[in-house]
Structures are given as C-alpha cells and as structure tokens.
C-alpha atoms as a PDB file:
ATOM      1  CA  UNK A   1      69.342-184.922 -96.896  1.00  0.00           C
ATOM      2  CA  UNK A   2      66.619-187.817 -95.941  1.00  0.00           C
ATOM      3  CA  UNK A   3      68.844-190.615 -95.731  1.00  0.00           C
ATOM      4  CA  UNK A   4      70.783-189.398 -93.112  1.00  0.00           C
ATOM      5  CA  UNK A   5      67.561-188.692 -91.317  1.00  0.00           C
ATOM      6  CA  UNK A   6      67.764-189.276 -87.013  1.00  0.00           C
ATOM      7  CA  UNK A   7      64.787-190.248 -85.952  1.00  0.00           C
ATOM      8  CA  UNK A   8      65.278-189.875 -82.025  1.00  0.00           C
ATOM      9  CA  UNK A   9      63.116-191.754 -79.388  1.00  0.00           C
ATOM     10  CA  UNK A  10      61.745-195.676 -80.082  1.00  0.00           C
ATOM     11  CA  UNK A  11      59.183-195.352 -77.091  1.00  0.00           C
ATOM     12  CA  UNK A  12      57.007-193.710 -78.998  1.00  0.00           C
ATOM     13  CA  UNK A  13      54.220-193.940 -82.168  1.00  0.00           C
ATOM     14  CA  UNK A  14      55.710-195.053 -85.212  1.00  0.00           C
ATOM     15  CA  UNK A  15      56.094-192.790 -88.600  1.00  0.00           C
ATOM     16  CA  UNK A  16      53.075-193.583 -91.171  1.00  0.00           C
ATOM     17  CA  UNK A  17      54.210-194.772 -94.830  1.00  0.00           C
ATOM     18  CA  UNK A  18      54.335-191.765 -96.768  1.00  0.00           C
ATOM     19  CA  UNK A  19      52.980-191.397-100.543  1.00  0.00           C
ATOM     20  CA  UNK A  20      54.679-192.846-103.487  1.00  0.00           C
ATOM     21  CA  UNK A  21      57.325-190.054-105.229  1.00  0.00           C
ATOM     22  CA  UNK A  22      58.884-190.151-108.314  1.00  0.00           C
ATOM     23  CA  UNK A  23      62.102-188.890-108.768  1.00  0.00           C
ATOM     24  CA  UNK A  24      64.429-189.167-106.006  1.00  0.00           C
ATOM     25  CA  UNK A  25      62.571-189.074-102.712  1.00  0.00           C
ATOM     26  CA  UNK A  26      66.026-189.625-100.451  1.00  0.00           C
ATOM     27  CA  UNK A  27      66.905-186.006-101.688  1.00  0.00           C
ATOM     28  CA  UNK A  28      64.221-184.323 -99.554  1.00  0.00           C
ATOM     29  CA  UNK A  29      65.676-182.636 -96.305  1.00  0.00           C
ATOM     30  CA  UNK A  30      65.349-184.964 -92.958  1.00  0.00           C
ATOM     31  CA  UNK A  31      63.127-184.634 -90.933  1.00  0.00           C
ATOM     32  CA  UNK A  32      65.457-182.547 -87.916  1.00  0.00           C
ATOM     33  CA  UNK A  33      66.507-180.018 -90.852  1.00  0.00           C
ATOM     34  CA  UNK A  34      62.543-179.785 -91.568  1.00  0.00           C
ATOM     35  CA  UNK A  35      61.723-179.184 -88.327  1.00  0.00           C
ATOM     36  CA  UNK A  36      64.429-176.366 -87.699  1.00  0.00           C
ATOM     37  CA  UNK A  37      63.859-174.823 -90.941  1.00  0.00           C
ATOM     38  CA  UNK A  38      60.236-174.689 -89.235  1.00  0.00           C
ATOM     39  CA  UNK A  39      61.367-173.018 -85.951  1.00  0.00           C
ATOM     40  CA  UNK A  40      63.125-170.264 -88.109  1.00  0.00           C
ATOM     41  CA  UNK A  41      60.548-169.751 -90.521  1.00  0.00           C
ATOM     42  CA  UNK A  42      57.994-168.404 -87.996  1.00  0.00           C
ATOM     43  CA  UNK A  43      58.040-166.495 -84.802  1.00  0.00           C
ATOM     44  CA  UNK A  44      54.945-167.543 -83.072  1.00  0.00           C
ATOM     45  CA  UNK A  45      53.941-170.686 -81.211  1.00  0.00           C
ATOM     46  CA  UNK A  46      51.186-172.535 -78.403  1.00  0.00           C
ATOM     47  CA  UNK A  47      52.918-172.952 -75.331  1.00  0.00           C
ATOM     48  CA  UNK A  48      51.439-175.760 -73.018  1.00  0.00           C
ATOM     49  CA  UNK A  49      52.617-175.608 -69.151  1.00  0.00           C
ATOM     50  CA  UNK A  50      51.101-177.578 -66.495  1.00  0.00           C
ATOM     51  CA  UNK A  51      48.779-175.849 -63.894  1.00  0.00           C
ATOM     52  CA  UNK A  52      49.303-176.603 -60.235  1.00  0.00           C
ATOM     53  CA  UNK A  53      46.345-179.019 -60.538  1.00  0.00           C
ATOM     54  CA  UNK A  54      48.547-180.855 -63.482  1.00  0.00           C
ATOM     55  CA  UNK A  55      46.570-179.485 -66.462  1.00  0.00           C
ATOM     56  CA  UNK A  56      48.049-178.745 -69.663  1.00  0.00           C
ATOM     57  CA  UNK A  57      47.379-174.892 -70.323  1.00  0.00           C
ATOM     58  CA  UNK A  58      48.256-173.304 -73.561  1.00  0.00           C
ATOM     59  CA  UNK A  59      49.057-169.895 -74.260  1.00  0.00           C
ATOM     60  CA  UNK A  60      49.755-168.286 -77.297  1.00  0.00           C
ATOM     61  CA  UNK A  61      53.309-166.263 -77.653  1.00  0.00           C
ATOM     62  CA  UNK A  62      56.227-165.213 -79.487  1.00  0.00           C
ATOM     63  CA  UNK A  63      59.517-166.368 -79.544  1.00  0.00           C
ATOM     64  CA  UNK A  64      63.067-166.265 -81.871  1.00  0.00           C
ATOM     65  CA  UNK A  65      65.033-169.394 -82.627  1.00  0.00           C
ATOM     66  CA  UNK A  66      68.551-169.095 -81.962  1.00  0.00           C
ATOM     67  CA  UNK A  67      71.521-171.046 -83.753  1.00  0.00           C
ATOM     68  CA  UNK A  68      72.139-173.485 -81.802  1.00  0.00           C
ATOM     69  CA  UNK A  69      68.003-174.545 -81.507  1.00  0.00           C
ATOM     70  CA  UNK A  70      67.056-173.189 -78.498  1.00  0.00           C
ATOM     71  CA  UNK A  71      63.595-170.701 -78.692  1.00  0.00           C
ATOM     72  CA  UNK A  72      64.045-167.555 -76.741  1.00  0.00           C
ATOM     73  CA  UNK A  73      60.700-165.995 -75.216  1.00  0.00           C
ATOM     74  CA  UNK A  74      59.826-162.923 -73.563  1.00  0.00           C
ATOM     75  CA  UNK A  75      56.728-163.114 -71.148  1.00  0.00           C
ATOM     76  CA  UNK A  76      55.251-161.722 -68.554  1.00  0.00           C
ATOM     77  CA  UNK A  77      55.656-162.805 -64.585  1.00  0.00           C
ATOM     78  CA  UNK A  78      51.791-162.343 -64.091  1.00  0.00           C
ATOM     79  CA  UNK A  79      51.151-164.408 -67.203  1.00  0.00           C
ATOM     80  CA  UNK A  80      49.339-167.929 -66.232  1.00  0.00           C
ATOM     81  CA  UNK A  81      52.416-169.709 -68.225  1.00  0.00           C
ATOM     82  CA  UNK A  82      54.996-168.114 -66.172  1.00  0.00           C
ATOM     83  CA  UNK A  83      53.171-168.875 -62.883  1.00  0.00           C
ATOM     84  CA  UNK A  84      53.109-172.616 -63.799  1.00  0.00           C
ATOM     85  CA  UNK A  85      56.518-172.788 -65.378  1.00  0.00           C
ATOM     86  CA  UNK A  86      58.275-171.107 -62.288  1.00  0.00           C
ATOM     87  CA  UNK A  87      56.324-174.005 -60.558  1.00  0.00           C
ATOM     88  CA  UNK A  88      57.369-176.841 -63.207  1.00  0.00           C
ATOM     89  CA  UNK A  89      59.584-176.047 -65.903  1.00  0.00           C
ATOM     90  CA  UNK A  90      58.375-179.064 -68.100  1.00  0.00           C
ATOM     91  CA  UNK A  91      56.544-177.798 -71.217  1.00  0.00           C
ATOM     92  CA  UNK A  92      56.167-177.520 -75.173  1.00  0.00           C
ATOM     93  CA  UNK A  93      55.645-175.403 -77.851  1.00  0.00           C
ATOM     94  CA  UNK A  94      53.603-176.199 -80.745  1.00  0.00           C
ATOM     95  CA  UNK A  95      53.980-174.176 -84.309  1.00  0.00           C
ATOM     96  CA  UNK A  96      52.589-174.634 -87.161  1.00  0.00           C
ATOM     97  CA  UNK A  97      53.236-173.513 -90.610  1.00  0.00           C
ATOM     98  CA  UNK A  98      51.122-170.648 -90.981  1.00  0.00           C
ATOM     99  CA  UNK A  99      51.320-170.286 -94.675  1.00  0.00           C
ATOM    100  CA  UNK A 100      47.711-169.459 -96.314  1.00  0.00           C
ATOM    101  CA  UNK A 101      46.308-172.892 -97.787  1.00  0.00           C
ATOM    102  CA  UNK A 102      42.704-173.581 -99.530  1.00  0.00           C
ATOM    103  CA  UNK A 103      42.882-177.676 -98.314  1.00  0.00           C
ATOM    104  CA  UNK A 104      43.009-179.372 -95.379  1.00  0.00           C
ATOM    105  CA  UNK A 105      44.650-177.583 -92.461  1.00  0.00           C
ATOM    106  CA  UNK A 106      46.069-181.548 -91.356  1.00  0.00           C
ATOM    107  CA  UNK A 107      48.140-181.521 -94.607  1.00  0.00           C
ATOM    108  CA  UNK A 108      50.682-178.585 -93.440  1.00  0.00           C
ATOM    109  CA  UNK A 109      53.583-179.401 -91.306  1.00  0.00           C
ATOM    110  CA  UNK A 110      53.692-178.768 -88.087  1.00  0.00           C
ATOM    111  CA  UNK A 111      56.029-179.205 -84.919  1.00  0.00           C
ATOM    112  CA  UNK A 112      55.736-179.981 -81.233  1.00  0.00           C
ATOM    113  CA  UNK A 113      58.730-179.532 -79.137  1.00  0.00           C
ATOM    114  CA  UNK A 114      59.064-180.930 -75.938  1.00  0.00           C
ATOM    115  CA  UNK A 115      61.120-179.311 -73.393  1.00  0.00           C
ATOM    116  CA  UNK A 116      61.933-177.170 -70.685  1.00  0.00           C
ATOM    117  CA  UNK A 117      61.828-173.370 -69.716  1.00  0.00           C
ATOM    118  CA  UNK A 118      64.483-171.352 -67.944  1.00  0.00           C
ATOM    119  CA  UNK A 119      64.591-167.779 -66.669  1.00  0.00           C
ATOM    120  CA  UNK A 120      67.450-166.024 -68.461  1.00  0.00           C
ATOM    121  CA  UNK A 121      69.497-163.625 -65.947  1.00  0.00           C
ATOM    122  CA  UNK A 122      71.950-161.670 -68.152  1.00  0.00           C
ATOM    123  CA  UNK A 123      70.014-161.976 -71.654  1.00  0.00           C
ATOM    124  CA  UNK A 124      72.346-159.648 -73.826  1.00  0.00           C
ATOM    125  CA  UNK A 125      72.744-161.291 -76.958  1.00  0.00           C
ATOM    126  CA  UNK A 126      69.091-163.193 -76.562  1.00  0.00           C
ATOM    127  CA  UNK A 127      67.520-159.703 -76.086  1.00  0.00           C
ATOM    128  CA  UNK A 128      69.043-158.027 -79.104  1.00  0.00           C
ATOM    129  CA  UNK A 129      68.205-161.512 -81.337  1.00  0.00           C
ATOM    130  CA  UNK A 130      64.688-160.921 -79.962  1.00  0.00           C
ATOM    131  CA  UNK A 131      64.015-157.772 -80.342  1.00  0.00           C
ATOM    132  CA  UNK A 132      65.201-157.759 -84.172  1.00  0.00           C
ATOM    133  CA  UNK A 133      62.772-160.312 -85.063  1.00  0.00           C
ATOM    134  CA  UNK A 134      59.860-158.949 -82.648  1.00  0.00           C
ATOM    135  CA  UNK A 135      60.572-154.559 -82.618  1.00  0.00           C
ATOM    136  CA  UNK A 136      57.143-153.909 -81.108  1.00  0.00           C
ATOM    137  CA  UNK A 137      58.736-155.888 -78.125  1.00  0.00           C
ATOM    138  CA  UNK A 138      60.598-152.891 -77.014  1.00  0.00           C
ATOM    139  CA  UNK A 139      57.895-151.180 -75.806  1.00  0.00           C
ATOM    140  CA  UNK A 140      57.440-153.252 -72.437  1.00  0.00           C
ATOM    141  CA  UNK A 141      61.317-155.602 -72.857  1.00  0.00           C
ATOM    142  CA  UNK A 142      62.807-153.656 -69.719  1.00  0.00           C
ATOM    143  CA  UNK A 143      59.172-153.514 -67.707  1.00  0.00           C
ATOM    144  CA  UNK A 144      60.509-154.744 -64.484  1.00  0.00           C
ATOM    145  CA  UNK A 145      57.334-157.484 -64.548  1.00  0.00           C
ATOM    146  CA  UNK A 146      58.529-159.090 -68.398  1.00  0.00           C
ATOM    147  CA  UNK A 147      61.745-161.597 -68.346  1.00  0.00           C
ATOM    148  CA  UNK A 148      63.172-163.344 -71.297  1.00  0.00           C
ATOM    149  CA  UNK A 149      63.169-167.327 -70.994  1.00  0.00           C
ATOM    150  CA  UNK A 150      65.055-169.789 -73.073  1.00  0.00           C
ATOM    151  CA  UNK A 151      63.280-173.058 -73.926  1.00  0.00           C
ATOM    152  CA  UNK A 152      65.344-175.875 -74.552  1.00  0.00           C
ATOM    153  CA  UNK A 153      64.486-178.642 -76.677  1.00  0.00           C
ATOM    154  CA  UNK A 154      64.669-182.351 -75.365  1.00  0.00           C
ATOM    155  CA  UNK A 155      62.856-183.860 -78.505  1.00  0.00           C
ATOM    156  CA  UNK A 156      60.459-183.046 -81.100  1.00  0.00           C
ATOM    157  CA  UNK A 157      57.717-184.484 -83.077  1.00  0.00           C
ATOM    158  CA  UNK A 158      57.683-183.496 -86.735  1.00  0.00           C
ATOM    159  CA  UNK A 159      54.082-183.874 -88.698  1.00  0.00           C
ATOM    160  CA  UNK A 160      54.843-183.407 -92.675  1.00  0.00           C
ATOM    161  CA  UNK A 161      51.287-183.728 -93.453  1.00  0.00           C
ATOM    162  CA  UNK A 162      49.223-186.993 -94.192  1.00  0.00           C
ATOM    163  CA  UNK A 163      51.287-190.077 -93.637  1.00  0.00           C
ATOM    164  CA  UNK A 164      54.734-188.289 -92.933  1.00  0.00           C
ATOM    165  CA  UNK A 165      55.855-187.505 -89.107  1.00  0.00           C
ATOM    166  CA  UNK A 166      58.621-188.999 -86.785  1.00  0.00           C
ATOM    167  CA  UNK A 167      60.065-188.282 -83.475  1.00  0.00           C
ATOM    168  CA  UNK A 168      63.896-186.738 -83.602  1.00  0.00           C
ATOM    169  CA  UNK A 169      65.664-185.844 -80.542  1.00  0.00           C
ATOM    170  CA  UNK A 170      67.257-182.801 -79.395  1.00  0.00           C
ATOM    171  CA  UNK A 171      70.807-183.760 -80.594  1.00  0.00           C
ATOM    172  CA  UNK A 172      69.669-184.538 -84.308  1.00  0.00           C
ATOM    173  CA  UNK A 173      67.895-181.457 -84.039  1.00  0.00           C
ATOM    174  CA  UNK A 174      70.551-178.908 -82.550  1.00  0.00           C
ATOM    175  CA  UNK A 175      72.977-180.528 -85.397  1.00  0.00           C
ATOM    176  CA  UNK A 176      70.437-179.837 -88.138  1.00  0.00           C
ATOM    177  CA  UNK A 177      70.403-176.634 -89.786  1.00  0.00           C
ATOM    178  CA  UNK A 178      67.464-174.604 -91.155  1.00  0.00           C
ATOM    179  CA  UNK A 179      67.121-174.535 -94.568  1.00  0.00           C
ATOM    180  CA  UNK A 180      68.894-171.302 -96.554  1.00  0.00           C
ATOM    181  CA  UNK A 181      66.413-171.068 -99.210  1.00  0.00           C
ATOM    182  CA  UNK A 182      63.316-170.803 -96.437  1.00  0.00           C
ATOM    183  CA  UNK A 183      62.927-167.207 -96.929  1.00  0.00           C
ATOM    184  CA  UNK A 184      63.256-167.168-100.388  1.00  0.00           C
ATOM    185  CA  UNK A 185      61.254-169.899-101.679  1.00  0.00           C
ATOM    186  CA  UNK A 186      57.780-168.574-102.231  1.00  0.00           C
ATOM    187  CA  UNK A 187      59.589-165.966-104.722  1.00  0.00           C
ATOM    188  CA  UNK A 188      61.414-168.940-106.391  1.00  0.00           C
ATOM    189  CA  UNK A 189      57.919-171.067-106.702  1.00  0.00           C
ATOM    190  CA  UNK A 190      56.212-167.939-107.753  1.00  0.00           C
ATOM    191  CA  UNK A 191      58.935-167.068-110.576  1.00  0.00           C
ATOM    192  CA  UNK A 192      58.916-170.717-111.668  1.00  0.00           C
ATOM    193  CA  UNK A 193      55.176-171.477-112.609  1.00  0.00           C
ATOM    194  CA  UNK A 194      54.403-168.250-113.722  1.00  0.00           C
ATOM    195  CA  UNK A 195      57.597-167.970-116.077  1.00  0.00           C
ATOM    196  CA  UNK A 196      58.723-171.045-116.495  1.00  0.00           C
ATOM    197  CA  UNK A 197      56.032-173.736-116.591  1.00  0.00           C
ATOM    198  CA  UNK A 198      57.734-175.394-119.491  1.00  0.00           C
ATOM    199  CA  UNK A 199      61.108-175.945-117.726  1.00  0.00           C
ATOM    200  CA  UNK A 200      59.094-177.415-115.253  1.00  0.00           C
ATOM    201  CA  UNK A 201      57.672-179.862-117.315  1.00  0.00           C
ATOM    202  CA  UNK A 202      61.088-180.803-118.449  1.00  0.00           C
ATOM    203  CA  UNK A 203      62.325-181.522-115.234  1.00  0.00           C
ATOM    204  CA  UNK A 204      59.336-184.578-114.238  1.00  0.00           C
ATOM    205  CA  UNK A 205      59.534-185.619-117.359  1.00  0.00           C
ATOM    206  CA  UNK A 206      63.266-186.230-118.132  1.00  0.00           C
ATOM    207  CA  UNK A 207      64.423-186.105-114.672  1.00  0.00           C
ATOM    208  CA  UNK A 208      61.380-187.827-112.343  1.00  0.00           C
ATOM    209  CA  UNK A 209      60.974-190.242-115.238  1.00  0.00           C
ATOM    210  CA  UNK A 210      57.337-189.124-115.642  1.00  0.00           C
ATOM    211  CA  UNK A 211      57.434-188.561-119.079  1.00  0.00           C
ATOM    212  CA  UNK A 212      53.448-189.058-120.126  1.00  0.00           C
ATOM    213  CA  UNK A 213      53.026-185.547-117.989  1.00  0.00           C
ATOM    214  CA  UNK A 214      51.356-183.597-119.611  1.00  0.00           C
ATOM    215  CA  UNK A 215      51.926-180.395-117.121  1.00  0.00           C
ATOM    216  CA  UNK A 216      53.852-179.605-113.956  1.00  0.00           C
ATOM    217  CA  UNK A 217      54.023-177.007-111.400  1.00  0.00           C
ATOM    218  CA  UNK A 218      56.756-176.234-108.392  1.00  0.00           C
ATOM    219  CA  UNK A 219      54.996-176.788-105.214  1.00  0.00           C
ATOM    220  CA  UNK A 220      58.347-176.412-102.596  1.00  0.00           C
ATOM    221  CA  UNK A 221      62.549-175.955-103.376  1.00  0.00           C
ATOM    222  CA  UNK A 222      64.953-176.220-100.876  1.00  0.00           C
ATOM    223  CA  UNK A 223      68.599-176.547-100.335  1.00  0.00           C
ATOM    224  CA  UNK A 224      68.533-179.689-102.132  1.00  0.00           C
ATOM    225  CA  UNK A 225      66.391-179.698-104.632  1.00  0.00           C
ATOM    226  CA  UNK A 226      62.429-178.848-106.059  1.00  0.00           C
ATOM    227  CA  UNK A 227      59.338-180.984-105.075  1.00  0.00           C
ATOM    228  CA  UNK A 228      56.873-180.866-107.876  1.00  0.00           C
ATOM    229  CA  UNK A 229      53.402-181.982-108.930  1.00  0.00           C
ATOM    230  CA  UNK A 230      53.029-183.513-112.815  1.00  0.00           C
ATOM    231  CA  UNK A 231      49.300-184.255-114.199  1.00  0.00           C
ATOM    232  CA  UNK A 232      48.761-186.905-117.046  1.00  0.00           C
ATOM    233  CA  UNK A 233      45.983-188.511-118.378  1.00  0.00           C
ATOM    234  CA  UNK A 234      46.191-191.044-114.759  1.00  0.00           C
ATOM    235  CA  UNK A 235      45.963-188.305-112.521  1.00  0.00           C
ATOM    236  CA  UNK A 236      48.498-186.223-110.641  1.00  0.00           C
ATOM    237  CA  UNK A 237      51.377-187.717-108.831  1.00  0.00           C
ATOM    238  CA  UNK A 238      54.283-185.784-106.891  1.00  0.00           C
ATOM    239  CA  UNK A 239      58.201-185.981-108.083  1.00  0.00           C
ATOM    240  CA  UNK A 240      61.490-184.842-106.667  1.00  0.00           C
ATOM    241  CA  UNK A 241      63.941-183.097-108.444  1.00  0.00           C
ATOM    242  CA  UNK A 242      67.797-183.039-106.599  1.00  0.00           C
ATOM    243  CA  UNK A 243      69.925-179.849-107.826  1.00  0.00           C
ATOM    244  CA  UNK A 244      73.443-181.385-109.002  1.00  0.00           C
ATOM    245  CA  UNK A 245      74.929-179.649-105.587  1.00  0.00           C
ATOM    246  CA  UNK A 246      73.138-178.984-102.603  1.00  0.00           C
ATOM    247  CA  UNK A 247      72.784-175.293-101.874  1.00  0.00           C
ATOM    248  CA  UNK A 248      74.750-172.985 -99.366  1.00  0.00           C
ATOM    249  CA  UNK A 249      73.095-169.726-100.302  1.00  0.00           C
ATOM    250  CA  UNK A 250      70.140-168.078-101.175  1.00  0.00           C
ATOM    251  CA  UNK A 251      71.214-166.737-104.528  1.00  0.00           C
ATOM    252  CA  UNK A 252      72.540-170.204-106.042  1.00  0.00           C
ATOM    253  CA  UNK A 253      69.240-171.348-106.490  1.00  0.00           C
ATOM    254  CA  UNK A 254      68.865-169.332-110.066  1.00  0.00           C
ATOM    255  CA  UNK A 255      72.156-171.279-111.002  1.00  0.00           C
ATOM    256  CA  UNK A 256      71.327-174.653-109.957  1.00  0.00           C
ATOM    257  CA  UNK A 257      68.081-174.381-111.807  1.00  0.00           C
ATOM    258  CA  UNK A 258      69.571-173.333-114.947  1.00  0.00           C
ATOM    259  CA  UNK A 259      72.148-176.024-114.428  1.00  0.00           C
ATOM    260  CA  UNK A 260      69.566-178.817-114.432  1.00  0.00           C
ATOM    261  CA  UNK A 261      67.563-177.422-117.728  1.00  0.00           C
ATOM    262  CA  UNK A 262      71.410-178.223-119.039  1.00  0.00           C
ATOM    263  CA  UNK A 263      71.917-181.221-117.989  1.00  0.00           C
ATOM    264  CA  UNK A 264      68.704-182.557-119.411  1.00  0.00           C
ATOM    265  CA  UNK A 265      69.732-180.956-123.007  1.00  0.00           C
ATOM    266  CA  UNK A 266      73.342-181.960-122.887  1.00  0.00           C
ATOM    267  CA  UNK A 267      72.571-185.619-122.078  1.00  0.00           C
ATOM    268  CA  UNK A 268      69.209-185.453-125.110  1.00  0.00           C
END
C-alpha cells in the first residue's frame, strides 16, 4: 500500500503533489505495485536502444512479464534494435495503459523501465511463458535468426497521470506483486456502475465523508480498495474507500464489496 512505497533513486526529478482525495488515500497501492501491475496488464512496449552513434532508437516490441519482474522478448537478429543491443545492452522500455479513454492521454498511467538486455541461451520456461501470451509467435519462434532475450530492470519511472509520478528502484519493483484484480477490474467497475449506483453513493457518503454527494461512480478497483468519483453541487471529488482486508484472489471482490456495505448498515 501507499504508506510502504519504495521510491528508489534520489538523484532524479521529484514527485509532483497529487490532488486532494477524500476517504483514505493511504490505501492506494504504492508505485512499485502499480508499476508491476502495468507490466503484467500489457504485453507490448516501445523499446529504446542506442545506435552506434549514441542516438536512442525506438521500436515496438511484444513481451511477457515474468514472476520476478523481468521481461522476456523475442526479437530478430536482423532488427536494428538487436544490432544495437549487441553493442550496448543498455536500453529502456516504455509501457503505457492502452485502455480506451476520451480524455487527455497524458492523464493515463505509463512506465519507463531502465535496464539491460541479455540473450537467453536456454530459454525453456521463458519460451513457454512467451508463447502462452503470444501464441502467433510460434510461427517464427524457432527460426535460426530469432532469439529470446531477457530485460532486467535497474530502475523505473512510474507516472500515474497528472501530478502522480516517482522513481522506483529495482529492489522495490521486484519485491512488489501485480494486483490480483488487474484482469477482472473492468468487469467489476462496469457491474458496480450499471447495477449498484446506489451502493457507490453509500460508499462515498458514509465511508469517504462526502455526505453532500448526489451521485457516485467507481473508476478503479484493486486489492486494497475502490476509487470513486463523487458529484455534488460543489463539483466533483475523487474518493478512496479501502476494503476491510486486502484481497488475495479475484473471486474475493464481490464479498469485499458486500462486506463494506454491510459495515455501513451495521453502524447506522
């Protein structure tokens, strides 16, 4: 959670102040957890390598995230980025939230990972993991001029939108775990907003202190709690409502949401 966030390096630009949030902002995942979740929720990135003249060279690549935080790539020997990385293994990968949104793209989360690429000489489990995520790649995975590479992270810069950014070091990134709801949260959000708008309003009024709210909608959910936007005559406000206990599996989400509602009814 946020109060255990490991920020990482001190020799970079700092963090900007986040907007005021009602409820319990300390229940947000920390940036290391958000970064790990973003790598697992996506499978494509922009890889930047260094040319022989020292210029950054960008390429679109597919990847799969491993349990220990490293990323596995399958790239061709004749690709420019492969030629570059054989000369200098230093590289970066930019991963961005690719969910559709009508607002400014700069308000969405993204992550720049800094590290080094190394070729895998015996990629048994990495090959299996990659092809499970990218089954189409089995057509060329065994070509003699294609190889699996491992991107090992040294540090990363997480940007969660306007006013939310920090550096995360490798130790904190690796020790964090991706959120258990990252594959199911869109369905949860849709269900709560379509079928339980009254419950959303109860959460922000009773658990986030926004008693003047007239409507509310869930905008995010993770293992620690829910993020909602509440409307009132004074405008809109973001609210954070933690679950009674952190979730360890996706199937616990329904019970956690109901338990919060029951806690409100029991205290009234």
